[in-house]
PDB file of all heavy atoms in Angstrom:
ATOM      1  N   PHE A   1      75.367 140.244 119.305  1.00  0.00           N
ATOM      2  CA  PHE A   1      74.092 139.618 118.918  1.00  0.00           C
ATOM      3  C   PHE A   1      72.899 140.465 119.365  1.00  0.00           C
ATOM      4  O   PHE A   1      72.001 140.762 118.573  1.00  0.00           O
ATOM      5  CB  PHE A   1      73.998 138.226 119.522  1.00  0.00           C
ATOM      6  CG  PHE A   1      72.604 137.654 119.509  1.00  0.00           C
ATOM      7  CD1 PHE A   1      71.973 137.366 118.312  1.00  0.00           C
ATOM      8  CD2 PHE A   1      71.916 137.438 120.696  1.00  0.00           C
ATOM      9  CE1 PHE A   1      70.680 136.860 118.301  1.00  0.00           C
ATOM     10  CE2 PHE A   1      70.639 136.934 120.694  1.00  0.00           C
ATOM     11  CZ  PHE A   1      70.010 136.645 119.487  1.00  0.00           C
ATOM     12  N   LEU A   2      72.913 140.892 120.622  1.00  0.00           N
ATOM     13  CA  LEU A   2      71.785 141.654 121.152  1.00  0.00           C
ATOM     14  C   LEU A   2      71.683 143.039 120.524  1.00  0.00           C
ATOM     15  O   LEU A   2      70.604 143.633 120.495  1.00  0.00           O
ATOM     16  CB  LEU A   2      71.920 141.781 122.675  1.00  0.00           C
ATOM     17  CG  LEU A   2      71.806 140.468 123.460  1.00  0.00           C
ATOM     18  CD1 LEU A   2      72.172 140.695 124.923  1.00  0.00           C
ATOM     19  CD2 LEU A   2      70.407 139.892 123.343  1.00  0.00           C
ATOM     20  N   GLY A   3      72.811 143.555 120.032  1.00  0.00           N
ATOM     21  CA  GLY A   3      72.804 144.868 119.390  1.00  0.00           C
ATOM     22  C   GLY A   3      72.358 144.839 117.947  1.00  0.00           C
ATOM     23  O   GLY A   3      72.530 145.826 117.215  1.00  0.00           O
ATOM     24  N   ASN A   4      71.744 143.743 117.534  1.00  0.00           N
ATOM     25  CA  ASN A   4      71.276 143.576 116.162  1.00  0.00           C
ATOM     26  C   ASN A   4      69.953 144.323 115.967  1.00  0.00           C
ATOM     27  O   ASN A   4      68.901 143.735 115.715  1.00  0.00           O
ATOM     28  CB  ASN A   4      71.113 142.075 115.874  1.00  0.00           C
ATOM     29  CG  ASN A   4      70.694 141.795 114.453  1.00  0.00           C
ATOM     30  OD1 ASN A   4      71.026 142.535 113.545  1.00  0.00           O
ATOM     31  ND2 ASN A   4      69.935 140.724 114.278  1.00  0.00           N
ATOM     32  N   ILE A   5      70.014 145.647 116.094  1.00  0.00           N
ATOM     33  CA  ILE A   5      68.815 146.479 116.047  1.00  0.00           C
ATOM     34  C   ILE A   5      68.666 147.075 114.641  1.00  0.00           C
ATOM     35  O   ILE A   5      69.639 147.481 114.024  1.00  0.00           O
ATOM     36  CB  ILE A   5      68.892 147.596 117.102  1.00  0.00           C
ATOM     37  CG1 ILE A   5      68.951 146.977 118.505  1.00  0.00           C
ATOM     38  CG2 ILE A   5      67.705 148.534 116.996  1.00  0.00           C
ATOM     39  CD1 ILE A   5      69.106 147.994 119.611  1.00  0.00           C
ATOM     40  N   LYS A   6      67.450 147.095 114.147  1.00  0.00           N
ATOM     41  CA  LYS A   6      67.176 147.605 112.809  1.00  0.00           C
ATOM     42  C   LYS A   6      66.786 149.081 112.884  1.00  0.00           C
ATOM     43  O   LYS A   6      66.356 149.565 113.925  1.00  0.00           O
ATOM     44  CB  LYS A   6      66.069 146.800 112.127  1.00  0.00           C
ATOM     45  CG  LYS A   6      66.295 145.291 112.176  1.00  0.00           C
ATOM     46  CD  LYS A   6      67.645 144.908 111.616  1.00  0.00           C
ATOM     47  CE  LYS A   6      68.014 143.474 111.951  1.00  0.00           C
ATOM     48  NZ  LYS A   6      69.412 143.174 111.582  1.00  0.00           N
ATOM     49  N   GLY A   7      66.923 149.775 111.732  1.00  0.00           N
ATOM     50  CA  GLY A   7      66.640 151.206 111.762  1.00  0.00           C
ATOM     51  C   GLY A   7      66.209 151.755 110.424  1.00  0.00           C
ATOM     52  O   GLY A   7      65.583 151.070 109.601  1.00  0.00           O
ATOM     53  N   SER A   8      66.587 153.002 110.174  1.00  0.00           N
ATOM     54  CA  SER A   8      66.055 153.761 109.043  1.00  0.00           C
ATOM     55  C   SER A   8      66.477 153.205 107.694  1.00  0.00           C
ATOM     56  O   SER A   8      65.697 153.233 106.732  1.00  0.00           O
ATOM     57  CB  SER A   8      66.501 155.221 109.155  1.00  0.00           C
ATOM     58  OG  SER A   8      67.920 155.297 109.228  1.00  0.00           O
ATOM     59  N   LEU A   9      67.711 152.710 107.570  1.00  0.00           N
ATOM     60  CA  LEU A   9      68.165 152.226 106.271  1.00  0.00           C
ATOM     61  C   LEU A   9      67.353 151.013 105.826  1.00  0.00           C
ATOM     62  O   LEU A   9      67.036 150.873 104.629  1.00  0.00           O
ATOM     63  CB  LEU A   9      69.655 151.881 106.323  1.00  0.00           C
ATOM     64  CG  LEU A   9      70.293 151.457 104.997  1.00  0.00           C
ATOM     65  CD1 LEU A   9      70.060 152.506 103.916  1.00  0.00           C
ATOM     66  CD2 LEU A   9      71.772 151.172 105.165  1.00  0.00           C
ATOM     67  N   SER A  10      66.996 150.148 106.761  1.00  0.00           N
ATOM     68  CA  SER A  10      66.150 148.997 106.411  1.00  0.00           C
ATOM     69  C   SER A  10      64.806 149.462 105.861  1.00  0.00           C
ATOM     70  O   SER A  10      64.307 148.923 104.863  1.00  0.00           O
ATOM     71  CB  SER A  10      65.933 148.112 107.649  1.00  0.00           C
ATOM     72  OG  SER A  10      67.139 147.525 108.077  1.00  0.00           O
ATOM     73  N   MET A  11      64.228 150.493 106.484  1.00  0.00           N
ATOM     74  CA  MET A  11      62.940 150.991 106.012  1.00  0.00           C
ATOM     75  C   MET A  11      63.080 151.678 104.656  1.00  0.00           C
ATOM     76  O   MET A  11      62.207 151.559 103.784  1.00  0.00           O
ATOM     77  CB  MET A  11      62.352 151.949 107.044  1.00  0.00           C
ATOM     78  CG  MET A  11      62.057 151.275 108.383  1.00  0.00           C
ATOM     79  SD  MET A  11      61.266 152.368 109.581  1.00  0.00           S
ATOM     80  CE  MET A  11      59.646 152.557 108.868  1.00  0.00           C
ATOM     81  N   ALA A  12      64.184 152.404 104.463  1.00  0.00           N
ATOM     82  CA  ALA A  12      64.392 153.079 103.176  1.00  0.00           C
ATOM     83  C   ALA A  12      64.521 152.067 102.045  1.00  0.00           C
ATOM     84  O   ALA A  12      63.953 152.258 100.958  1.00  0.00           O
ATOM     85  CB  ALA A  12      65.649 153.951 103.254  1.00  0.00           C
ATOM     86  N   LEU A  13      65.251 150.992 102.273  1.00  0.00           N
ATOM     87  CA  LEU A  13      65.387 149.971 101.234  1.00  0.00           C
ATOM     88  C   LEU A  13      64.068 149.257 100.975  1.00  0.00           C
ATOM     89  O   LEU A  13      63.769 148.888  99.834  1.00  0.00           O
ATOM     90  CB  LEU A  13      66.467 148.958 101.636  1.00  0.00           C
ATOM     91  CG  LEU A  13      67.907 149.461 101.611  1.00  0.00           C
ATOM     92  CD1 LEU A  13      68.870 148.327 101.941  1.00  0.00           C
ATOM     93  CD2 LEU A  13      68.257 150.062 100.270  1.00  0.00           C
ATOM     94  N   ALA A  14      63.289 149.051 102.035  1.00  0.00           N
ATOM     95  CA  ALA A  14      61.973 148.428 101.836  1.00  0.00           C
ATOM     96  C   ALA A  14      61.103 149.299 100.942  1.00  0.00           C
ATOM     97  O   ALA A  14      60.422 148.810 100.030  1.00  0.00           O
ATOM     98  CB  ALA A  14      61.295 148.193 103.186  1.00  0.00           C
ATOM     99  N   LEU A  15      61.118 150.616 101.179  1.00  0.00           N
ATOM    100  CA  LEU A  15      60.356 151.525 100.321  1.00  0.00           C
ATOM    101  C   LEU A  15      60.929 151.567  98.910  1.00  0.00           C
ATOM    102  O   LEU A  15      60.221 151.910  97.954  1.00  0.00           O
ATOM    103  CB  LEU A  15      60.377 152.937 100.923  1.00  0.00           C
ATOM    104  CG  LEU A  15      59.621 153.126 102.236  1.00  0.00           C
ATOM    105  CD1 LEU A  15      59.840 154.539 102.766  1.00  0.00           C
ATOM    106  CD2 LEU A  15      58.146 152.850 102.064  1.00  0.00           C
ATOM    107  N   GLY A  16      62.211 151.214  98.770  1.00  0.00           N
ATOM    108  CA  GLY A  16      62.846 151.251  97.465  1.00  0.00           C
ATOM    109  C   GLY A  16      62.646 149.996  96.632  1.00  0.00           C
ATOM    110  O   GLY A  16      63.143 149.922  95.507  1.00  0.00           O
ATOM    111  N   ILE A  17      61.941 149.010  97.166  1.00  0.00           N
ATOM    112  CA  ILE A  17      61.641 147.814  96.366  1.00  0.00           C
ATOM    113  C   ILE A  17      60.718 148.216  95.218  1.00  0.00           C
ATOM    114  O   ILE A  17      59.664 148.814  95.440  1.00  0.00           O
ATOM    115  CB  ILE A  17      60.977 146.733  97.228  1.00  0.00           C
ATOM    116  CG1 ILE A  17      61.931 146.273  98.340  1.00  0.00           C
ATOM    117  CG2 ILE A  17      60.558 145.538  96.380  1.00  0.00           C
ATOM    118  CD1 ILE A  17      61.300 145.292  99.316  1.00  0.00           C
ATOM    119  N   PRO A  18      61.095 147.910  93.980  1.00  0.00           N
ATOM    120  CA  PRO A  18      60.274 148.337  92.832  1.00  0.00           C
ATOM    121  C   PRO A  18      58.875 147.730  92.867  1.00  0.00           C
ATOM    122  O   PRO A  18      58.657 146.646  93.425  1.00  0.00           O
ATOM    123  CB  PRO A  18      61.057 147.834  91.612  1.00  0.00           C
ATOM    124  CG  PRO A  18      62.442 147.580  92.109  1.00  0.00           C
ATOM    125  CD  PRO A  18      62.308 147.194  93.552  1.00  0.00           C
ATOM    126  N   ALA A  19      57.937 148.430  92.255  1.00  0.00           N
ATOM    127  CA  ALA A  19      56.557 147.939  92.193  1.00  0.00           C
ATOM    128  C   ALA A  19      56.445 146.665  91.362  1.00  0.00           C
ATOM    129  O   ALA A  19      55.449 145.936  91.467  1.00  0.00           O
ATOM    130  CB  ALA A  19      55.657 149.029  91.606  1.00  0.00           C
ATOM    131  N   THR A  20      57.462 146.379  90.528  1.00  0.00           N
ATOM    132  CA  THR A  20      57.423 145.169  89.700  1.00  0.00           C
ATOM    133  C   THR A  20      57.676 143.896  90.507  1.00  0.00           C
ATOM    134  O   THR A  20      57.435 142.795  90.012  1.00  0.00           O
ATOM    135  CB  THR A  20      58.485 145.258  88.587  1.00  0.00           C
ATOM    136  OG1 THR A  20      59.778 145.504  89.179  1.00  0.00           O
ATOM    137  CG2 THR A  20      58.167 146.397  87.631  1.00  0.00           C
ATOM    138  N   VAL A  21      58.172 144.057  91.742  1.00  0.00           N
ATOM    139  CA  VAL A  21      58.397 142.893  92.599  1.00  0.00           C
ATOM    140  C   VAL A  21      57.058 142.465  93.197  1.00  0.00           C
ATOM    141  O   VAL A  21      56.370 143.264  93.856  1.00  0.00           O
ATOM    142  CB  VAL A  21      59.410 143.212  93.718  1.00  0.00           C
ATOM    143  CG1 VAL A  21      59.550 142.029  94.677  1.00  0.00           C
ATOM    144  CG2 VAL A  21      60.762 143.563  93.115  1.00  0.00           C
ATOM    145  N   MET A  22      56.675 141.227  92.961  1.00  0.00           N
ATOM    146  CA  MET A  22      55.385 140.730  93.435  1.00  0.00           C
ATOM    147  C   MET A  22      55.327 140.758  94.970  1.00  0.00           C
ATOM    148  O   MET A  22      56.278 140.370  95.646  1.00  0.00           O
ATOM    149  CB  MET A  22      55.156 139.303  92.935  1.00  0.00           C
ATOM    150  CG  MET A  22      53.757 138.754  93.224  1.00  0.00           C
ATOM    151  SD  MET A  22      53.545 137.097  92.533  1.00  0.00           S
ATOM    152  CE  MET A  22      53.838 137.430  90.798  1.00  0.00           C
ATOM    153  N   GLY A  23      54.213 141.234  95.521  1.00  0.00           N
ATOM    154  CA  GLY A  23      54.031 141.273  96.959  1.00  0.00           C
ATOM    155  C   GLY A  23      54.821 142.359  97.645  1.00  0.00           C
ATOM    156  O   GLY A  23      55.153 142.245  98.827  1.00  0.00           O
ATOM    157  N   ARG A  24      55.100 143.468  96.921  1.00  0.00           N
ATOM    158  CA  ARG A  24      55.912 144.539  97.498  1.00  0.00           C
ATOM    159  C   ARG A  24      55.293 145.102  98.772  1.00  0.00           C
ATOM    160  O   ARG A  24      55.981 145.340  99.770  1.00  0.00           O
ATOM    161  CB  ARG A  24      56.071 145.666  96.465  1.00  0.00           C
ATOM    162  CG  ARG A  24      56.813 146.890  96.997  1.00  0.00           C
ATOM    163  CD  ARG A  24      56.755 148.041  95.992  1.00  0.00           C
ATOM    164  NE  ARG A  24      57.472 149.201  96.476  1.00  0.00           N
ATOM    165  CZ  ARG A  24      56.961 150.110  97.297  1.00  0.00           C
ATOM    166  NH1 ARG A  24      55.706 149.968  97.733  1.00  0.00           N
ATOM    167  NH2 ARG A  24      57.677 151.143  97.694  1.00  0.00           N
ATOM    168  N   GLY A  25      53.972 145.315  98.787  1.00  0.00           N
ATOM    169  CA  GLY A  25      53.318 145.877  99.960  1.00  0.00           C
ATOM    170  C   GLY A  25      53.493 145.009 101.194  1.00  0.00           C
ATOM    171  O   GLY A  25      53.739 145.517 102.293  1.00  0.00           O
ATOM    172  N   GLU A  26      53.382 143.688 101.003  1.00  0.00           N
ATOM    173  CA  GLU A  26      53.560 142.781 102.146  1.00  0.00           C
ATOM    174  C   GLU A  26      54.999 142.802 102.652  1.00  0.00           C
ATOM    175  O   GLU A  26      55.245 142.723 103.864  1.00  0.00           O
ATOM    176  CB  GLU A  26      53.180 141.353 101.740  1.00  0.00           C
ATOM    177  CG  GLU A  26      51.690 141.114 101.532  1.00  0.00           C
ATOM    178  CD  GLU A  26      51.191 141.694 100.222  1.00  0.00           C
ATOM    179  OE1 GLU A  26      52.032 142.119  99.388  1.00  0.00           O
ATOM    180  OE2 GLU A  26      49.950 141.756 100.023  1.00  0.00           O
ATOM    181  N   LEU A  27      55.957 142.946 101.746  1.00  0.00           N
ATOM    182  CA  LEU A  27      57.366 143.005 102.163  1.00  0.00           C
ATOM    183  C   LEU A  27      57.643 144.281 102.962  1.00  0.00           C
ATOM    184  O   LEU A  27      58.365 144.251 103.963  1.00  0.00           O
ATOM    185  CB  LEU A  27      58.287 142.951 100.940  1.00  0.00           C
ATOM    186  CG  LEU A  27      58.237 141.682 100.084  1.00  0.00           C
ATOM    187  CD1 LEU A  27      59.264 141.766  98.961  1.00  0.00           C
ATOM    188  CD2 LEU A  27      58.485 140.448 100.939  1.00  0.00           C
ATOM    189  N   VAL A  28      57.059 145.405 102.511  1.00  0.00           N
ATOM    190  CA  VAL A  28      57.234 146.667 103.237  1.00  0.00           C
ATOM    191  C   VAL A  28      56.659 146.547 104.644  1.00  0.00           C
ATOM    192  O   VAL A  28      57.280 146.963 105.637  1.00  0.00           O
ATOM    193  CB  VAL A  28      56.572 147.829 102.466  1.00  0.00           C
ATOM    194  CG1 VAL A  28      56.562 149.097 103.317  1.00  0.00           C
ATOM    195  CG2 VAL A  28      57.297 148.085 101.142  1.00  0.00           C
ATOM    196  N   THR A  29      55.462 145.975 104.770  1.00  0.00           N
ATOM    197  CA  THR A  29      54.845 145.776 106.084  1.00  0.00           C
ATOM    198  C   THR A  29      55.704 144.866 106.957  1.00  0.00           C
ATOM    199  O   THR A  29      55.879 145.117 108.157  1.00  0.00           O
ATOM    200  CB  THR A  29      53.443 145.169 105.926  1.00  0.00           C
ATOM    201  OG1 THR A  29      52.638 146.045 105.133  1.00  0.00           O
ATOM    202  CG2 THR A  29      52.787 144.957 107.277  1.00  0.00           C
ATOM    203  N   LEU A  30      56.258 143.823 106.359  1.00  0.00           N
ATOM    204  CA  LEU A  30      57.109 142.883 107.086  1.00  0.00           C
ATOM    205  C   LEU A  30      58.337 143.585 107.663  1.00  0.00           C
ATOM    206  O   LEU A  30      58.684 143.406 108.838  1.00  0.00           O
ATOM    207  CB  LEU A  30      57.541 141.760 106.132  1.00  0.00           C
ATOM    208  CG  LEU A  30      57.966 140.422 106.732  1.00  0.00           C
ATOM    209  CD1 LEU A  30      56.812 139.765 107.466  1.00  0.00           C
ATOM    210  CD2 LEU A  30      58.479 139.513 105.619  1.00  0.00           C
ATOM    211  N   VAL A  31      58.970 144.411 106.838  1.00  0.00           N
ATOM    212  CA  VAL A  31      60.180 145.116 107.286  1.00  0.00           C
ATOM    213  C   VAL A  31      59.822 146.167 108.340  1.00  0.00           C
ATOM    214  O   VAL A  31      60.499 146.286 109.370  1.00  0.00           O
ATOM    215  CB  VAL A  31      60.892 145.767 106.089  1.00  0.00           C
ATOM    216  CG1 VAL A  31      62.032 146.661 106.570  1.00  0.00           C
ATOM    217  CG2 VAL A  31      61.435 144.697 105.147  1.00  0.00           C
ATOM    218  N   PHE A  32      58.769 146.939 108.093  1.00  0.00           N
ATOM    219  CA  PHE A  32      58.387 147.979 109.049  1.00  0.00           C
ATOM    220  C   PHE A  32      58.066 147.377 110.418  1.00  0.00           C
ATOM    221  O   PHE A  32      58.458 147.914 111.454  1.00  0.00           O
ATOM    222  CB  PHE A  32      57.171 148.757 108.519  1.00  0.00           C
ATOM    223  CG  PHE A  32      57.531 149.839 107.542  1.00  0.00           C
ATOM    224  CD1 PHE A  32      58.667 149.741 106.755  1.00  0.00           C
ATOM    225  CD2 PHE A  32      56.735 150.958 107.391  1.00  0.00           C
ATOM    226  CE1 PHE A  32      59.004 150.736 105.851  1.00  0.00           C
ATOM    227  CE2 PHE A  32      57.050 151.956 106.488  1.00  0.00           C
ATOM    228  CZ  PHE A  32      58.189 151.840 105.709  1.00  0.00           C
ATOM    229  N   GLY A  33      57.335 146.271 110.417  1.00  0.00           N
ATOM    230  CA  GLY A  33      57.012 145.630 111.689  1.00  0.00           C
ATOM    231  C   GLY A  33      58.251 145.111 112.394  1.00  0.00           C
ATOM    232  O   GLY A  33      58.375 145.239 113.630  1.00  0.00           O
ATOM    233  N   SER A  34      59.170 144.528 111.650  1.00  0.00           N
ATOM    234  CA  SER A  34      60.417 144.027 112.254  1.00  0.00           C
ATOM    235  C   SER A  34      61.227 145.168 112.854  1.00  0.00           C
ATOM    236  O   SER A  34      61.795 145.043 113.942  1.00  0.00           O
ATOM    237  CB  SER A  34      61.243 143.295 111.192  1.00  0.00           C
ATOM    238  OG  SER A  34      60.527 142.209 110.647  1.00  0.00           O
ATOM    239  N   VAL A  35      61.299 146.303 112.129  1.00  0.00           N
ATOM    240  CA  VAL A  35      62.037 147.462 112.642  1.00  0.00           C
ATOM    241  C   VAL A  35      61.402 147.977 113.924  1.00  0.00           C
ATOM    242  O   VAL A  35      62.100 148.298 114.903  1.00  0.00           O
ATOM    243  CB  VAL A  35      62.092 148.568 111.567  1.00  0.00           C
ATOM    244  CG1 VAL A  35      62.655 149.857 112.162  1.00  0.00           C
ATOM    245  CG2 VAL A  35      62.948 148.125 110.389  1.00  0.00           C
ATOM    246  N   LEU A  36      60.072 148.073 113.939  1.00  0.00           N
ATOM    247  CA  LEU A  36      59.385 148.568 115.132  1.00  0.00           C
ATOM    248  C   LEU A  36      59.650 147.667 116.335  1.00  0.00           C
ATOM    249  O   LEU A  36      60.014 148.154 117.419  1.00  0.00           O
ATOM    250  CB  LEU A  36      57.882 148.667 114.868  1.00  0.00           C
ATOM    251  CG  LEU A  36      57.033 149.111 116.057  1.00  0.00           C
ATOM    252  CD1 LEU A  36      57.423 150.508 116.511  1.00  0.00           C
ATOM    253  CD2 LEU A  36      55.551 149.048 115.732  1.00  0.00           C
ATOM    254  N   LEU A  37      59.472 146.364 116.183  1.00  0.00           N
ATOM    255  CA  LEU A  37      59.709 145.449 117.301  1.00  0.00           C
ATOM    256  C   LEU A  37      61.160 145.484 117.746  1.00  0.00           C
ATOM    257  O   LEU A  37      61.456 145.421 118.949  1.00  0.00           O
ATOM    258  CB  LEU A  37      59.322 144.025 116.891  1.00  0.00           C
ATOM    259  CG  LEU A  37      57.830 143.769 116.627  1.00  0.00           C
ATOM    260  CD1 LEU A  37      57.604 142.311 116.251  1.00  0.00           C
ATOM    261  CD2 LEU A  37      56.999 144.127 117.853  1.00  0.00           C
ATOM    262  N   SER A  38      62.071 145.618 116.790  1.00  0.00           N
ATOM    263  CA  SER A  38      63.488 145.673 117.126  1.00  0.00           C
ATOM    264  C   SER A  38      63.810 146.918 117.949  1.00  0.00           C
ATOM    265  O   SER A  38      64.484 146.843 118.975  1.00  0.00           O
ATOM    266  CB  SER A  38      64.317 145.652 115.841  1.00  0.00           C
ATOM    267  OG  SER A  38      65.684 145.836 116.116  1.00  0.00           O
ATOM    268  N   LEU A  39      63.331 148.075 117.478  1.00  0.00           N
ATOM    269  CA  LEU A  39      63.632 149.326 118.170  1.00  0.00           C
ATOM    270  C   LEU A  39      63.025 149.370 119.563  1.00  0.00           C
ATOM    271  O   LEU A  39      63.643 149.873 120.509  1.00  0.00           O
ATOM    272  CB  LEU A  39      63.133 150.510 117.340  1.00  0.00           C
ATOM    273  CG  LEU A  39      63.952 150.868 116.103  1.00  0.00           C
ATOM    274  CD1 LEU A  39      63.202 151.880 115.243  1.00  0.00           C
ATOM    275  CD2 LEU A  39      65.313 151.410 116.503  1.00  0.00           C
ATOM    276  N   VAL A  40      61.806 148.852 119.698  1.00  0.00           N
ATOM    277  CA  VAL A  40      61.128 148.935 121.002  1.00  0.00           C
ATOM    278  C   VAL A  40      61.655 147.882 121.961  1.00  0.00           C
ATOM    279  O   VAL A  40      62.156 148.209 123.048  1.00  0.00           O
ATOM    280  CB  VAL A  40      59.599 148.793 120.816  1.00  0.00           C
ATOM    281  CG1 VAL A  40      58.914 148.728 122.168  1.00  0.00           C
ATOM    282  CG2 VAL A  40      59.061 149.968 120.003  1.00  0.00           C
ATOM    283  N   PHE A  41      61.582 146.623 121.594  1.00  0.00           N
ATOM    284  CA  PHE A  41      61.911 145.564 122.551  1.00  0.00           C
ATOM    285  C   PHE A  41      63.422 145.393 122.725  1.00  0.00           C
ATOM    286  O   PHE A  41      63.922 145.344 123.859  1.00  0.00           O
ATOM    287  CB  PHE A  41      61.252 144.248 122.123  1.00  0.00           C
ATOM    288  CG  PHE A  41      59.757 144.276 122.237  1.00  0.00           C
ATOM    289  CD1 PHE A  41      58.956 144.438 121.120  1.00  0.00           C
ATOM    290  CD2 PHE A  41      59.147 144.175 123.476  1.00  0.00           C
ATOM    291  CE1 PHE A  41      57.576 144.483 121.229  1.00  0.00           C
ATOM    292  CE2 PHE A  41      57.764 144.213 123.597  1.00  0.00           C
ATOM    293  CZ  PHE A  41      56.976 144.372 122.466  1.00  0.00           C
ATOM    294  N   GLN A  42      64.162 145.326 121.624  1.00  0.00           N
ATOM    295  CA  GLN A  42      65.611 145.225 121.773  1.00  0.00           C
ATOM    296  C   GLN A  42      66.197 146.527 122.306  1.00  0.00           C
ATOM    297  O   GLN A  42      67.126 146.510 123.111  1.00  0.00           O
ATOM    298  CB  GLN A  42      66.263 144.875 120.432  1.00  0.00           C
ATOM    299  CG  GLN A  42      66.077 143.420 120.025  1.00  0.00           C
ATOM    300  CD  GLN A  42      66.788 143.118 118.721  1.00  0.00           C
ATOM    301  OE1 GLN A  42      66.177 143.107 117.656  1.00  0.00           O
ATOM    302  NE2 GLN A  42      68.084 142.881 118.800  1.00  0.00           N
ATOM    303  N   GLY A  43      65.653 147.650 121.835  1.00  0.00           N
ATOM    304  CA  GLY A  43      66.164 148.933 122.302  1.00  0.00           C
ATOM    305  C   GLY A  43      65.984 149.135 123.795  1.00  0.00           C
ATOM    306  O   GLY A  43      66.869 149.652 124.477  1.00  0.00           O
TER     307      GLY A  43
END
């Protein structure tokens, strides 16, 4: 459970969300922030 750390693949898929998906920018920010908090605090 504690090793549930996010990384590069999550960010790559977030960048790969097509522009046709509504709110793509907010989703990218959401994923990037989650990855950062995961790497710093869980790491």
